[in-house]
Amino acid sequence: MLTTLWSAIPSLLLFGFRLSFETHFITGLVVADLPEEVRDLPADSLNLIVNDILNLVSGNIVSGKLDRTMQAAADQMFNRLVAAIK
């Protein structure tokens, strides 16, 4: 029984750690691939764009007009999230 706990607890901790930081890490990768003029926006504006991308990925309504950059970022985020699940 003790051996099971010694192997299960670290595995569950690593799995929880991965789940909690996975979306943050993928969001960072997607933001890094955005055009420089978008990345250089103030933090509040960049957060709004990231939220629009996340809403687009989840199928919700975006707050502004949809352009190619946001669509490409949403596609990239969706593909990375699907790959992370596999």
Protein backbone atom coordinates (compact mmCIF):
# COMPACT_ATOMS: atom_id res chain seq x y z
CA MET A 1 0.00 0.00 0.00
CA LEU A 2 2.80 2.40 0.88
CA THR A 3 4.53 1.74 -2.43
CA THR A 4 1.35 2.66 -4.27
CA LEU A 5 1.14 5.96 -2.41
CA TRP A 6 4.81 6.73 -3.06
CA SER A 7 4.27 6.31 -6.79
CA ALA A 8 0.75 7.74 -7.11
CA ILE A 9 1.20 10.98 -5.15
CA PRO A 10 4.15 12.34 -7.18
CA SER A 11 2.41 11.36 -10.41
CA LEU A 12 -0.75 13.18 -9.39
CA LEU A 13 1.25 16.22 -8.32
CA LEU A 14 3.05 16.35 -11.68
CA PHE A 15 -0.22 15.89 -13.55
CA GLY A 16 -1.84 18.71 -11.56
CA PHE A 17 1.16 20.96 -12.15
CA ARG A 18 0.96 20.29 -15.88
CA LEU A 19 -2.76 20.99 -16.03
CA SER A 20 -2.46 24.23 -14.10
CA PHE A 21 0.32 25.72 -16.25
CA GLU A 22 -0.42 24.19 -19.65
CA THR A 23 -2.84 26.88 -20.86
CA HIS A 24 -0.57 29.66 -19.56
CA PHE A 25 2.41 28.18 -21.39
CA ILE A 26 0.48 27.73 -24.65
CA THR A 27 -0.87 31.29 -24.37
CA GLY A 28 2.70 32.55 -24.02
CA LEU A 29 3.73 30.67 -27.16
CA VAL A 30 0.80 32.09 -29.11
CA VAL A 31 1.51 35.65 -27.92
CA ALA A 32 5.15 35.24 -28.92
CA ASP A 33 4.01 34.44 -32.47
CA LEU A 34 1.79 37.52 -32.74
CA PRO A 35 3.07 40.42 -34.87
CA GLU A 36 5.39 42.85 -33.11
CA GLU A 37 2.90 45.74 -33.24
CA VAL A 38 0.40 43.59 -31.33
CA ARG A 39 2.97 42.36 -28.77
CA ASP A 40 4.09 45.94 -28.11
CA LEU A 41 0.61 47.06 -27.05
CA PRO A 42 0.05 48.00 -23.41
CA ALA A 43 -0.64 45.06 -21.11
CA ASP A 44 -4.36 45.81 -20.84
CA SER A 45 -4.84 45.90 -24.60
CA LEU A 46 -2.79 42.75 -25.07
CA ASN A 47 -4.90 40.99 -22.43
CA LEU A 48 -8.05 41.95 -24.33
CA ILE A 49 -6.62 40.48 -27.53
CA VAL A 50 -5.61 37.29 -25.72
CA ASN A 51 -9.12 37.04 -24.25
CA ASP A 52 -10.59 37.48 -27.73
CA ILE A 53 -8.35 34.68 -29.01
CA LEU A 54 -9.38 32.41 -26.12
CA ASN A 55 -13.04 33.24 -26.77
CA LEU A 56 -12.59 32.47 -30.45
CA VAL A 57 -10.99 29.11 -29.61
CA SER A 58 -13.84 28.19 -27.27
CA GLY A 59 -16.48 29.28 -29.78
CA ASN A 60 -17.66 32.37 -27.93
CA ILE A 61 -18.25 35.81 -29.38
CA VAL A 62 -15.23 38.09 -29.77
CA SER A 63 -15.45 41.72 -28.66
CA GLY A 64 -14.06 43.30 -31.82
CA LYS A 65 -13.63 42.66 -35.48
CA LEU A 66 -12.01 39.38 -36.45
CA ASP A 67 -8.90 39.66 -38.61
CA ARG A 68 -6.42 37.18 -40.07
CA THR A 69 -3.96 37.59 -37.21
CA MET A 70 -6.53 36.70 -34.56
CA GLN A 71 -7.86 33.79 -36.61
CA ALA A 72 -4.34 32.42 -37.14
CA ALA A 73 -3.56 32.80 -33.42
CA ALA A 74 -6.81 31.06 -32.48
CA ASP A 75 -6.06 28.21 -34.90
CA GLN A 76 -2.55 27.87 -33.48
CA MET A 77 -3.83 27.85 -29.89
CA PHE A 78 -6.52 25.30 -30.73
CA ASN A 79 -3.98 23.01 -32.43
CA ARG A 80 -1.57 23.28 -29.50
CA LEU A 81 -4.32 22.54 -26.97
CA VAL A 82 -5.46 19.52 -28.96
CA ALA A 83 -1.86 18.29 -29.24
CA ALA A 84 -1.41 18.72 -25.48
CA ILE A 85 -4.40 16.51 -24.81
CA LYS A 86 -3.05 13.67 -26.94
